[in-house]
PDB file of N, CA and C in Angstrom:
ATOM      1  N   MET A   1     -23.644  47.923  -2.560  1.00  0.00           N
ATOM      2  CA  MET A   1     -22.764  46.950  -3.173  1.00  0.00           C
ATOM      3  C   MET A   1     -23.153  45.543  -2.685  1.00  0.00           C
ATOM      4  N   ARG A   2     -23.159  44.622  -3.592  1.00  0.00           N
ATOM      5  CA  ARG A   2     -23.559  43.257  -3.284  1.00  0.00           C
ATOM      6  C   ARG A   2     -22.473  42.534  -2.498  1.00  0.00           C
ATOM      7  N   GLN A   3     -22.892  41.821  -1.444  1.00  0.00           N
ATOM      8  CA  GLN A   3     -21.928  41.074  -0.649  1.00  0.00           C
ATOM      9  C   GLN A   3     -21.558  39.776  -1.349  1.00  0.00           C
ATOM     10  N   ARG A   4     -20.333  39.366  -1.127  1.00  0.00           N
ATOM     11  CA  ARG A   4     -19.847  38.124  -1.698  1.00  0.00           C
ATOM     12  C   ARG A   4     -20.351  36.942  -0.896  1.00  0.00           C
ATOM     13  N   ARG A   5     -20.851  35.945  -1.577  1.00  0.00           N
ATOM     14  CA  ARG A   5     -21.315  34.747  -0.872  1.00  0.00           C
ATOM     15  C   ARG A   5     -20.145  33.806  -0.636  1.00  0.00           C
ATOM     16  N   THR A   6     -20.197  33.085   0.453  1.00  0.00           N
ATOM     17  CA  THR A   6     -19.174  32.074   0.723  1.00  0.00           C
ATOM     18  C   THR A   6     -19.861  30.719   0.854  1.00  0.00           C
ATOM     19  N   PHE A   7     -19.179  29.696   0.404  1.00  0.00           N
ATOM     20  CA  PHE A   7     -19.718  28.352   0.427  1.00  0.00           C
ATOM     21  C   PHE A   7     -18.713  27.432   1.109  1.00  0.00           C
ATOM     22  N   SER A   8     -19.204  26.451   1.816  1.00  0.00           N
ATOM     23  CA  SER A   8     -18.331  25.502   2.501  1.00  0.00           C
ATOM     24  C   SER A   8     -17.712  24.541   1.482  1.00  0.00           C
ATOM     25  N   LYS A   9     -16.611  23.939   1.891  1.00  0.00           N
ATOM     26  CA  LYS A   9     -15.965  22.958   1.015  1.00  0.00           C
ATOM     27  C   LYS A   9     -16.881  21.776   0.765  1.00  0.00           C
ATOM     28  N   GLU A  10     -17.668  21.405   1.768  1.00  0.00           N
ATOM     29  CA  GLU A  10     -18.591  20.280   1.613  1.00  0.00           C
ATOM     30  C   GLU A  10     -19.637  20.577   0.537  1.00  0.00           C
ATOM     31  N   PHE A  11     -20.159  21.803   0.559  1.00  0.00           N
ATOM     32  CA  PHE A  11     -21.152  22.191  -0.446  1.00  0.00           C
ATOM     33  C   PHE A  11     -20.529  22.192  -1.840  1.00  0.00           C
ATOM     34  N   LYS A  12     -19.336  22.778  -1.945  1.00  0.00           N
ATOM     35  CA  LYS A  12     -18.659  22.823  -3.250  1.00  0.00           C
ATOM     36  C   LYS A  12     -18.416  21.413  -3.769  1.00  0.00           C
ATOM     37  N   ARG A  13     -17.924  20.529  -2.876  1.00  0.00           N
ATOM     38  CA  ARG A  13     -17.651  19.152  -3.274  1.00  0.00           C
ATOM     39  C   ARG A  13     -18.935  18.464  -3.720  1.00  0.00           C
ATOM     40  N   GLN A  14     -20.030  18.690  -3.002  1.00  0.00           N
ATOM     41  CA  GLN A  14     -21.309  18.080  -3.346  1.00  0.00           C
ATOM     42  C   GLN A  14     -21.767  18.520  -4.729  1.00  0.00           C
ATOM     43  N   VAL A  15     -21.672  19.815  -5.020  1.00  0.00           N
ATOM     44  CA  VAL A  15     -22.115  20.347  -6.316  1.00  0.00           C
ATOM     45  C   VAL A  15     -21.242  19.784  -7.442  1.00  0.00           C
ATOM     46  N   VAL A  16     -19.925  19.748  -7.222  1.00  0.00           N
ATOM     47  CA  VAL A  16     -19.024  19.242  -8.265  1.00  0.00           C
ATOM     48  C   VAL A  16     -19.256  17.755  -8.496  1.00  0.00           C
ATOM     49  N   GLU A  17     -19.458  16.991  -7.427  1.00  0.00           N
ATOM     50  CA  GLU A  17     -19.724  15.562  -7.600  1.00  0.00           C
ATOM     51  C   GLU A  17     -21.041  15.340  -8.343  1.00  0.00           C
ATOM     52  N   GLU A  18     -22.002  16.215  -8.097  1.00  0.00           N
ATOM     53  CA  GLU A  18     -23.252  16.152  -8.854  1.00  0.00           C
ATOM     54  C   GLU A  18     -22.991  16.453 -10.334  1.00  0.00           C
ATOM     55  N   LEU A  19     -22.106  17.404 -10.603  1.00  0.00           N
ATOM     56  CA  LEU A  19     -21.739  17.735 -11.980  1.00  0.00           C
ATOM     57  C   LEU A  19     -21.025  16.565 -12.643  1.00  0.00           C
ATOM     58  N   LEU A  20     -20.094  15.954 -11.915  1.00  0.00           N
ATOM     59  CA  LEU A  20     -19.312  14.853 -12.486  1.00  0.00           C
ATOM     60  C   LEU A  20     -20.150  13.589 -12.684  1.00  0.00           C
ATOM     61  N   SER A  21     -21.204  13.441 -11.903  1.00  0.00           N
ATOM     62  CA  SER A  21     -22.073  12.269 -12.071  1.00  0.00           C
ATOM     63  C   SER A  21     -22.932  12.385 -13.329  1.00  0.00           C
ATOM     64  N   GLU A  22     -22.914  13.583 -13.924  1.00  0.00           N
ATOM     65  CA  GLU A  22     -23.652  13.870 -15.151  1.00  0.00           C
ATOM     66  C   GLU A  22     -25.153  13.660 -15.012  1.00  0.00           C
ATOM     67  N   SER A  23     -25.652  13.825 -13.780  1.00  0.00           N
ATOM     68  CA  SER A  23     -27.105  13.739 -13.587  1.00  0.00           C
ATOM     69  C   SER A  23     -27.784  15.012 -14.076  1.00  0.00           C
ATOM     70  N   MET A  24     -27.012  16.122 -14.091  1.00  0.00           N
ATOM     71  CA  MET A  24     -27.528  17.400 -14.583  1.00  0.00           C
ATOM     72  C   MET A  24     -26.439  18.070 -15.411  1.00  0.00           C
ATOM     73  N   THR A  25     -26.878  18.943 -16.299  1.00  0.00           N
ATOM     74  CA  THR A  25     -25.912  19.700 -17.085  1.00  0.00           C
ATOM     75  C   THR A  25     -25.350  20.840 -16.242  1.00  0.00           C
ATOM     76  N   THR A  26     -24.269  21.432 -16.724  1.00  0.00           N
ATOM     77  CA  THR A  26     -23.655  22.559 -16.037  1.00  0.00           C
ATOM     78  C   THR A  26     -24.651  23.706 -15.903  1.00  0.00           C
ATOM     79  N   SER A  27     -25.363  23.992 -16.959  1.00  0.00           N
ATOM     80  CA  SER A  27     -26.339  25.082 -16.937  1.00  0.00           C
ATOM     81  C   SER A  27     -27.438  24.821 -15.919  1.00  0.00           C
ATOM     82  N   ALA A  28     -27.910  23.581 -15.876  1.00  0.00           N
ATOM     83  CA  ALA A  28     -28.982  23.245 -14.941  1.00  0.00           C
ATOM     84  C   ALA A  28     -28.504  23.373 -13.492  1.00  0.00           C
ATOM     85  N   LEU A  29     -27.272  22.939 -13.239  1.00  0.00           N
ATOM     86  CA  LEU A  29     -26.720  23.072 -11.886  1.00  0.00           C
ATOM     87  C   LEU A  29     -26.551  24.537 -11.497  1.00  0.00           C
ATOM     88  N   CYS A  30     -26.103  25.341 -12.433  1.00  0.00           N
ATOM     89  CA  CYS A  30     -25.936  26.774 -12.163  1.00  0.00           C
ATOM     90  C   CYS A  30     -27.280  27.419 -11.818  1.00  0.00           C
ATOM     91  N   ARG A  31     -28.326  27.032 -12.537  1.00  0.00           N
ATOM     92  CA  ARG A  31     -29.651  27.573 -12.235  1.00  0.00           C
ATOM     93  C   ARG A  31     -30.163  27.060 -10.890  1.00  0.00           C
ATOM     94  N   LYS A  32     -29.943  25.771 -10.641  1.00  0.00           N
ATOM     95  CA  LYS A  32     -30.435  25.151  -9.407  1.00  0.00           C
ATOM     96  C   LYS A  32     -29.834  25.814  -8.162  1.00  0.00           C
ATOM     97  N   TYR A  33     -28.510  26.070  -8.203  1.00  0.00           N
ATOM     98  CA  TYR A  33     -27.818  26.625  -7.036  1.00  0.00           C
ATOM     99  C   TYR A  33     -27.533  28.121  -7.161  1.00  0.00           C
ATOM    100  N   ASN A  34     -28.029  28.745  -8.225  1.00  0.00           N
ATOM    101  CA  ASN A  34     -27.834  30.170  -8.460  1.00  0.00           C
ATOM    102  C   ASN A  34     -26.344  30.529  -8.473  1.00  0.00           C
ATOM    103  N   LEU A  35     -25.598  29.832  -9.330  1.00  0.00           N
ATOM    104  CA  LEU A  35     -24.148  30.037  -9.469  1.00  0.00           C
ATOM    105  C   LEU A  35     -23.835  30.440 -10.898  1.00  0.00           C
ATOM    106  N   SER A  36     -22.678  31.042 -11.083  1.00  0.00           N
ATOM    107  CA  SER A  36     -22.232  31.334 -12.443  1.00  0.00           C
ATOM    108  C   SER A  36     -21.369  30.169 -12.934  1.00  0.00           C
ATOM    109  N   GLN A  37     -21.275  30.029 -14.250  1.00  0.00           N
ATOM    110  CA  GLN A  37     -20.491  28.929 -14.809  1.00  0.00           C
ATOM    111  C   GLN A  37     -19.002  29.035 -14.472  1.00  0.00           C
ATOM    112  N   PRO A  38     -18.402  30.249 -14.473  1.00  0.00           N
ATOM    113  CA  PRO A  38     -16.987  30.320 -14.081  1.00  0.00           C
ATOM    114  C   PRO A  38     -16.746  29.868 -12.637  1.00  0.00           C
ATOM    115  N   VAL A  39     -17.680  30.167 -11.746  1.00  0.00           N
ATOM    116  CA  VAL A  39     -17.538  29.713 -10.358  1.00  0.00           C
ATOM    117  C   VAL A  39     -17.545  28.192 -10.313  1.00  0.00           C
ATOM    118  N   LEU A  40     -18.472  27.590 -11.023  1.00  0.00           N
ATOM    119  CA  LEU A  40     -18.572  26.134 -11.043  1.00  0.00           C
ATOM    120  C   LEU A  40     -17.332  25.503 -11.672  1.00  0.00           C
ATOM    121  N   SER A  41     -16.807  26.103 -12.723  1.00  0.00           N
ATOM    122  CA  SER A  41     -15.594  25.544 -13.336  1.00  0.00           C
ATOM    123  C   SER A  41     -14.393  25.699 -12.407  1.00  0.00           C
ATOM    124  N   ASN A  42     -14.340  26.785 -11.630  1.00  0.00           N
ATOM    125  CA  ASN A  42     -13.261  26.935 -10.643  1.00  0.00           C
ATOM    126  C   ASN A  42     -13.369  25.863  -9.557  1.00  0.00           C
ATOM    127  N   TRP A  43     -14.581  25.610  -9.114  1.00  0.00           N
ATOM    128  CA  TRP A  43     -14.778  24.570  -8.106  1.00  0.00           C
ATOM    129  C   TRP A  43     -14.396  23.204  -8.655  1.00  0.00           C
ATOM    130  N   LYS A  44     -14.706  22.967  -9.921  1.00  0.00           N
ATOM    131  CA  LYS A  44     -14.357  21.679 -10.546  1.00  0.00           C
ATOM    132  C   LYS A  44     -12.842  21.529 -10.611  1.00  0.00           C
ATOM    133  N   ARG A  45     -12.138  22.599 -10.981  1.00  0.00           N
ATOM    134  CA  ARG A  45     -10.676  22.558 -11.026  1.00  0.00           C
ATOM    135  C   ARG A  45     -10.100  22.296  -9.624  1.00  0.00           C
ATOM    136  N   ASP A  46     -10.651  22.986  -8.620  1.00  0.00           N
ATOM    137  CA  ASP A  46     -10.196  22.767  -7.244  1.00  0.00           C
ATOM    138  C   ASP A  46     -10.447  21.333  -6.803  1.00  0.00           C
ATOM    139  N   TYR A  47     -11.578  20.784  -7.202  1.00  0.00           N
ATOM    140  CA  TYR A  47     -11.911  19.397  -6.865  1.00  0.00           C
ATOM    141  C   TYR A  47     -10.897  18.438  -7.503  1.00  0.00           C
ATOM    142  N   MET A  48     -10.594  18.685  -8.763  1.00  0.00           N
ATOM    143  CA  MET A  48      -9.640  17.812  -9.461  1.00  0.00           C
ATOM    144  C   MET A  48      -8.244  17.901  -8.848  1.00  0.00           C
ATOM    145  N   ASP A  49      -7.912  19.067  -8.291  1.00  0.00           N
ATOM    146  CA  ASP A  49      -6.606  19.246  -7.646  1.00  0.00           C
ATOM    147  C   ASP A  49      -6.604  18.773  -6.198  1.00  0.00           C
ATOM    148  N   GLY A  50      -7.763  18.334  -5.688  1.00  0.00           N
ATOM    149  CA  GLY A  50      -7.839  17.832  -4.322  1.00  0.00           C
ATOM    150  C   GLY A  50      -7.913  18.922  -3.273  1.00  0.00           C
ATOM    151  N   LYS A  51      -8.367  20.099  -3.641  1.00  0.00           N
ATOM    152  CA  LYS A  51      -8.415  21.224  -2.702  1.00  0.00           C
ATOM    153  C   LYS A  51      -9.731  21.304  -1.936  1.00  0.00           C
ATOM    154  N   LEU A  52     -10.657  20.407  -2.196  1.00  0.00           N
ATOM    155  CA  LEU A  52     -11.943  20.427  -1.499  1.00  0.00           C
ATOM    156  C   LEU A  52     -12.047  19.265  -0.516  1.00  0.00           C
ATOM    157  N   ASP A  53     -10.940  18.992   0.175  1.00  0.00           N
ATOM    158  CA  ASP A  53     -10.871  17.908   1.164  1.00  0.00           C
ATOM    159  C   ASP A  53     -11.218  16.556   0.554  1.00  0.00           C
ATOM    160  N   ASN A  54     -10.754  16.343  -0.652  1.00  0.00           N
ATOM    161  CA  ASN A  54     -10.951  15.069  -1.326  1.00  0.00           C
ATOM    162  C   ASN A  54      -9.600  14.640  -1.896  1.00  0.00           C
ATOM    163  N   GLU A  55      -9.537  13.420  -2.340  1.00  0.00           N
ATOM    164  CA  GLU A  55      -8.314  12.948  -2.975  1.00  0.00           C
ATOM    165  C   GLU A  55      -8.204  13.584  -4.356  1.00  0.00           C
ATOM    166  N   PRO A  56      -7.009  14.080  -4.718  1.00  0.00           N
ATOM    167  CA  PRO A  56      -6.853  14.714  -6.027  1.00  0.00           C
ATOM    168  C   PRO A  56      -7.055  13.716  -7.157  1.00  0.00           C
ATOM    169  N   GLU A  57      -7.601  14.210  -8.257  1.00  0.00           N
ATOM    170  CA  GLU A  57      -7.852  13.346  -9.410  1.00  0.00           C
ATOM    171  C   GLU A  57      -7.044  13.764 -10.629  1.00  0.00           C
ATOM    172  N   SER A  58      -6.482  14.964 -10.619  1.00  0.00           N
ATOM    173  CA  SER A  58      -5.708  15.404 -11.775  1.00  0.00           C
ATOM    174  C   SER A  58      -4.212  15.198 -11.497  1.00  0.00           C
ATOM    175  N   ILE A  59      -3.434  15.220 -12.558  1.00  0.00           N
ATOM    176  CA  ILE A  59      -1.995  15.036 -12.441  1.00  0.00           C
ATOM    177  C   ILE A  59      -1.380  16.150 -11.592  1.00  0.00           C
ATOM    178  N   SER A  60      -1.793  17.388 -11.811  1.00  0.00           N
ATOM    179  CA  SER A  60      -1.223  18.500 -11.037  1.00  0.00           C
ATOM    180  C   SER A  60      -1.597  18.373  -9.563  1.00  0.00           C
ATOM    181  N   GLY A  61      -2.816  17.911  -9.285  1.00  0.00           N
ATOM    182  CA  GLY A  61      -3.228  17.699  -7.898  1.00  0.00           C
ATOM    183  C   GLY A  61      -2.428  16.608  -7.226  1.00  0.00           C
ATOM    184  N   LEU A  62      -2.165  15.537  -7.965  1.00  0.00           N
ATOM    185  CA  LEU A  62      -1.366  14.438  -7.421  1.00  0.00           C
ATOM    186  C   LEU A  62       0.079  14.885  -7.178  1.00  0.00           C
ATOM    187  N   LYS A  63       0.625  15.683  -8.105  1.00  0.00           N
ATOM    188  CA  LYS A  63       1.986  16.191  -7.919  1.00  0.00           C
ATOM    189  C   LYS A  63       2.064  17.087  -6.687  1.00  0.00           C
ATOM    190  N   HIS A  64       1.050  17.926  -6.497  1.00  0.00           N
ATOM    191  CA  HIS A  64       1.003  18.803  -5.325  1.00  0.00           C
ATOM    192  C   HIS A  64       0.949  17.968  -4.041  1.00  0.00           C
ATOM    193  N   LYS A  65       0.146  16.911  -4.041  1.00  0.00           N
ATOM    194  CA  LYS A  65       0.022  16.027  -2.876  1.00  0.00           C
ATOM    195  C   LYS A  65       1.358  15.344  -2.585  1.00  0.00           C
ATOM    196  N   ILE A  66       2.057  14.901  -3.618  1.00  0.00           N
ATOM    197  CA  ILE A  66       3.371  14.263  -3.443  1.00  0.00           C
ATOM    198  C   ILE A  66       4.360  15.249  -2.851  1.00  0.00           C
ATOM    199  N   GLU A  67       4.357  16.500  -3.336  1.00  0.00           N
ATOM    200  CA  GLU A  67       5.260  17.517  -2.793  1.00  0.00           C
ATOM    201  C   GLU A  67       4.984  17.762  -1.318  1.00  0.00           C
ATOM    202  N   GLN A  68       3.710  17.821  -0.942  1.00  0.00           N
ATOM    203  CA  GLN A  68       3.351  18.013   0.468  1.00  0.00           C
ATOM    204  C   GLN A  68       3.864  16.861   1.316  1.00  0.00           C
ATOM    205  N   LEU A  69       3.671  15.644   0.831  1.00  0.00           N
ATOM    206  CA  LEU A  69       4.108  14.470   1.589  1.00  0.00           C
ATOM    207  C   LEU A  69       5.626  14.405   1.691  1.00  0.00           C
ATOM    208  N   GLU A  70       6.332  14.776   0.616  1.00  0.00           N
ATOM    209  CA  GLU A  70       7.793  14.781   0.665  1.00  0.00           C
ATOM    210  C   GLU A  70       8.307  15.810   1.672  1.00  0.00           C
ATOM    211  N   ARG A  71       7.666  16.982   1.728  1.00  0.00           N
ATOM    212  CA  ARG A  71       8.055  17.988   2.730  1.00  0.00           C
ATOM    213  C   ARG A  71       7.836  17.460   4.139  1.00  0.00           C
ATOM    214  N   LYS A  72       6.718  16.771   4.342  1.00  0.00           N
ATOM    215  CA  LYS A  72       6.406  16.216   5.659  1.00  0.00           C
ATOM    216  C   LYS A  72       7.421  15.149   6.039  1.00  0.00           C
ATOM    217  N   VAL A  73       7.789  14.280   5.114  1.00  0.00           N
ATOM    218  CA  VAL A  73       8.789  13.247   5.382  1.00  0.00           C
ATOM    219  C   VAL A  73      10.132  13.887   5.730  1.00  0.00           C
ATOM    220  N   GLY A  74      10.506  14.933   5.006  1.00  0.00           N
ATOM    221  CA  GLY A  74      11.757  15.639   5.298  1.00  0.00           C
ATOM    222  C   GLY A  74      11.754  16.242   6.687  1.00  0.00           C
ATOM    223  N   GLN A  75      10.646  16.872   7.068  1.00  0.00           N
ATOM    224  CA  GLN A  75      10.547  17.472   8.400  1.00  0.00           C
ATOM    225  C   GLN A  75      10.620  16.403   9.484  1.00  0.00           C
ATOM    226  N   LEU A  76       9.914  15.290   9.290  1.00  0.00           N
ATOM    227  CA  LEU A  76       9.934  14.216  10.276  1.00  0.00           C
ATOM    228  C   LEU A  76      11.312  13.581  10.376  1.00  0.00           C
ATOM    229  N   THR A  77      12.023  13.482   9.260  1.00  0.00           N
ATOM    230  CA  THR A  77      13.375  12.942   9.274  1.00  0.00           C
ATOM    231  C   THR A  77      14.303  13.849  10.076  1.00  0.00           C
ATOM    232  N   MET A  78      14.181  15.160   9.862  1.00  0.00           N
ATOM    233  CA  MET A  78      15.011  16.101  10.617  1.00  0.00           C
ATOM    234  C   MET A  78      14.687  16.031  12.114  1.00  0.00           C
ATOM    235  N   ASP A  79      13.415  15.950  12.459  1.00  0.00           N
ATOM    236  CA  ASP A  79      13.012  15.831  13.860  1.00  0.00           C
ATOM    237  C   ASP A  79      13.578  14.553  14.480  1.00  0.00           C
ATOM    238  N   ASN A  80      13.498  13.462  13.733  1.00  0.00           N
ATOM    239  CA  ASN A  80      14.000  12.181  14.209  1.00  0.00           C
ATOM    240  C   ASN A  80      15.502  12.231  14.464  1.00  0.00           C
ATOM    241  N   GLU A  81      16.249  12.827  13.540  1.00  0.00           N
ATOM    242  CA  GLU A  81      17.698  12.941  13.708  1.00  0.00           C
ATOM    243  C   GLU A  81      18.044  13.789  14.932  1.00  0.00           C
ATOM    244  N   LEU A  82      17.315  14.882  15.127  1.00  0.00           N
ATOM    245  CA  LEU A  82      17.546  15.737  16.289  1.00  0.00           C
ATOM    246  C   LEU A  82      17.292  14.972  17.581  1.00  0.00           C
ATOM    247  N   LEU A  83      16.204  14.219  17.633  1.00  0.00           N
ATOM    248  CA  LEU A  83      15.896  13.442  18.829  1.00  0.00           C
ATOM    249  C   LEU A  83      16.945  12.367  19.097  1.00  0.00           C
ATOM    250  N   LYS A  84      17.470  11.766  18.050  1.00  0.00           N
ATOM    251  CA  LYS A  84      18.534  10.782  18.219  1.00  0.00           C
ATOM    252  C   LYS A  84      19.774  11.419  18.824  1.00  0.00           C
ATOM    253  N   LYS A  85      20.142  12.613  18.337  1.00  0.00           N
ATOM    254  CA  LYS A  85      21.316  13.313  18.867  1.00  0.00           C
ATOM    255  C   LYS A  85      21.115  13.694  20.325  1.00  0.00           C
ATOM    256  N   VAL A  86      19.928  14.182  20.664  1.00  0.00           N
ATOM    257  CA  VAL A  86      19.640  14.568  22.048  1.00  0.00           C
ATOM    258  C   VAL A  86      19.712  13.348  22.957  1.00  0.00           C
ATOM    259  N   LEU A  87      19.151  12.240  22.532  1.00  0.00           N
ATOM    260  CA  LEU A  87      19.176  11.018  23.330  1.00  0.00           C
ATOM    261  C   LEU A  87      20.608  10.520  23.520  1.00  0.00           C
ATOM    262  N   LYS A  88      21.383  10.553  22.450  1.00  0.00           N
ATOM    263  CA  LYS A  88      22.770  10.112  22.526  1.00  0.00           C
ATOM    264  C   LYS A  88      23.567  11.011  23.471  1.00  0.00           C
ATOM    265  N   SER A  89      23.365  12.310  23.382  1.00  0.00           N
ATOM    266  CA  SER A  89      24.045  13.259  24.257  1.00  0.00           C
ATOM    267  C   SER A  89      23.647  13.046  25.708  1.00  0.00           C
ATOM    268  N   ALA A  90      22.359  12.823  25.935  1.00  0.00           N
ATOM    269  CA  ALA A  90      21.884  12.597  27.304  1.00  0.00           C
ATOM    270  C   ALA A  90      22.462  11.307  27.870  1.00  0.00           C
ATOM    271  N   ASN A  91      22.597  10.281  27.046  1.00  0.00           N
ATOM    272  CA  ASN A  91      23.191   9.018  27.502  1.00  0.00           C
ATOM    273  C   ASN A  91      24.653   9.222  27.883  1.00  0.00           C
ATOM    274  N   ARG A  92      25.389   9.942  27.033  1.00  0.00           N
ATOM    275  CA  ARG A  92      26.805  10.198  27.339  1.00  0.00           C
ATOM    276  C   ARG A  92      26.948  10.986  28.636  1.00  0.00           C
ATOM    277  N   GLN A  93      26.101  12.001  28.785  1.00  0.00           N
ATOM    278  CA  GLN A  93      26.189  12.847  29.971  1.00  0.00           C
ATOM    279  C   GLN A  93      25.847  12.058  31.238  1.00  0.00           C
ATOM    280  N   SER A  94      24.841  11.203  31.168  1.00  0.00           N
ATOM    281  CA  SER A  94      24.462  10.426  32.349  1.00  0.00           C
ATOM    282  C   SER A  94      25.532   9.397  32.687  1.00  0.00           C
ATOM    283  N   GLN A  95      26.197   8.827  31.693  1.00  0.00           N
ATOM    284  CA  GLN A  95      27.272   7.874  31.951  1.00  0.00           C
ATOM    285  C   GLN A  95      28.487   8.576  32.539  1.00  0.00           C
ATOM    286  N   ALA A  96      28.763   9.785  32.060  1.00  0.00           N
ATOM    287  CA  ALA A  96      29.905  10.541  32.580  1.00  0.00           C
ATOM    288  C   ALA A  96      29.674  10.962  34.027  1.00  0.00           C
ATOM    289  N   ASN A  97      28.465  11.252  34.387  1.00  0.00           N
ATOM    290  CA  ASN A  97      28.144  11.666  35.747  1.00  0.00           C
ATOM    291  C   ASN A  97      27.954  10.477  36.678  1.00  0.00           C
ATOM    292  N   GLY A  98      27.936   9.284  36.130  1.00  0.00           N
ATOM    293  CA  GLY A  98      27.713   8.104  36.942  1.00  0.00           C
ATOM    294  C   GLY A  98      26.252   7.915  37.312  1.00  0.00           C
ATOM    295  N   LYS A  99      25.376   8.675  36.703  1.00  0.00           N
ATOM    296  CA  LYS A  99      23.948   8.555  36.963  1.00  0.00           C
ATOM    297  C   LYS A  99      23.290   7.813  35.811  1.00  0.00           C
ATOM    298  N   TYR A 100      22.278   7.099  36.142  1.00  0.00           N
ATOM    299  CA  TYR A 100      21.546   6.350  35.132  1.00  0.00           C
ATOM    300  C   TYR A 100      20.105   6.836  35.138  1.00  0.00           C
ATOM    301  N   SER A 101      19.670   7.456  34.079  1.00  0.00           N
ATOM    302  CA  SER A 101      18.337   8.059  34.017  1.00  0.00           C
ATOM    303  C   SER A 101      17.274   6.995  33.812  1.00  0.00           C
ATOM    304  N   GLU A 102      16.220   7.092  34.586  1.00  0.00           N
ATOM    305  CA  GLU A 102      15.115   6.140  34.453  1.00  0.00           C
ATOM    306  C   GLU A 102      14.365   6.345  33.143  1.00  0.00           C
ATOM    307  N   ILE A 103      14.381   7.546  32.633  1.00  0.00           N
ATOM    308  CA  ILE A 103      13.662   7.830  31.397  1.00  0.00           C
ATOM    309  C   ILE A 103      14.446   7.310  30.201  1.00  0.00           C
ATOM    310  N   ILE A 104      15.757   7.486  30.215  1.00  0.00           N
ATOM    311  CA  ILE A 104      16.580   7.115  29.065  1.00  0.00           C
ATOM    312  C   ILE A 104      16.911   5.624  29.066  1.00  0.00           C
ATOM    313  N   SER A 105      17.124   5.033  30.234  1.00  0.00           N
ATOM    314  CA  SER A 105      17.574   3.650  30.287  1.00  0.00           C
ATOM    315  C   SER A 105      16.608   2.652  29.657  1.00  0.00           C
ATOM    316  N   PRO A 106      15.292   2.747  29.856  1.00  0.00           N
ATOM    317  CA  PRO A 106      14.427   1.774  29.184  1.00  0.00           C
ATOM    318  C   PRO A 106      14.496   1.877  27.667  1.00  0.00           C
ATOM    319  N   LEU A 107      14.677   3.072  27.149  1.00  0.00           N
ATOM    320  CA  LEU A 107      14.780   3.224  25.703  1.00  0.00           C
ATOM    321  C   LEU A 107      16.032   2.555  25.158  1.00  0.00           C
ATOM    322  N   THR A 108      17.148   2.744  25.851  1.00  0.00           N
ATOM    323  CA  THR A 108      18.383   2.155  25.347  1.00  0.00           C
ATOM    324  C   THR A 108      18.379   0.642  25.531  1.00  0.00           C
ATOM    325  N   ILE A 109      17.732   0.159  26.570  1.00  0.00           N
ATOM    326  CA  ILE A 109      17.644  -1.290  26.774  1.00  0.00           C
ATOM    327  C   ILE A 109      16.744  -1.908  25.714  1.00  0.00           C
ATOM    328  N   MET A 110      15.619  -1.259  25.436  1.00  0.00           N
ATOM    329  CA  MET A 110      14.682  -1.783  24.451  1.00  0.00           C
ATOM    330  C   MET A 110      15.277  -1.779  23.047  1.00  0.00           C
ATOM    331  N   SER A 111      16.104  -0.807  22.735  1.00  0.00           N
ATOM    332  CA  SER A 111      16.660  -0.719  21.392  1.00  0.00           C
ATOM    333  C   SER A 111      17.981  -1.465  21.271  1.00  0.00           C
ATOM    334  N   LYS A 112      18.373  -2.172  22.335  1.00  0.00           N
ATOM    335  CA  LYS A 112      19.580  -3.005  22.327  1.00  0.00           C
ATOM    336  C   LYS A 112      20.821  -2.217  21.929  1.00  0.00           C
ATOM    337  N   GLY A 113      21.151  -1.224  22.724  1.00  0.00           N
ATOM    338  CA  GLY A 113      22.403  -0.520  22.483  1.00  0.00           C
ATOM    339  C   GLY A 113      22.228   0.947  22.229  1.00  0.00           C
ATOM    340  N   GLY A 114      21.044   1.442  22.199  1.00  0.00           N
ATOM    341  CA  GLY A 114      20.867   2.889  22.040  1.00  0.00           C
ATOM    342  C   GLY A 114      20.788   3.321  20.604  1.00  0.00           C
ATOM    343  N   VAL A 115      20.978   4.573  20.436  1.00  0.00           N
ATOM    344  CA  VAL A 115      20.848   5.217  19.132  1.00  0.00           C
ATOM    345  C   VAL A 115      22.120   4.996  18.332  1.00  0.00           C
ATOM    346  N   LYS A 116      21.952   4.752  17.046  1.00  0.00           N
ATOM    347  CA  LYS A 116      23.127   4.535  16.198  1.00  0.00           C
ATOM    348  C   LYS A 116      23.435   5.767  15.404  1.00  0.00           C
TER     349      LYS A 116
END
């Protein structure tokens, strides 16, 4: 049974960019790199969607990128809120104990009043 070949993202991107530059036809590229046309069209679709470590060029690729960024912003917002609550709690606890933490005090002084 024939083994499946694997190609790096860099190689795929290079071949697709060569295809998009129209320096060679699809058939010529397939012969040059010993690829089938469906493989090359799949790589082209992946390239347009930004899946080959490049910026997406198609609408669906851009939408996917926006969704990823929105998820990341949501996660960072949740992390930020949690850190604010922890800092506020630590400030209250240190004030109640009459202790002033060296780690927390510069942050509250720099932010002019602590976390809001």
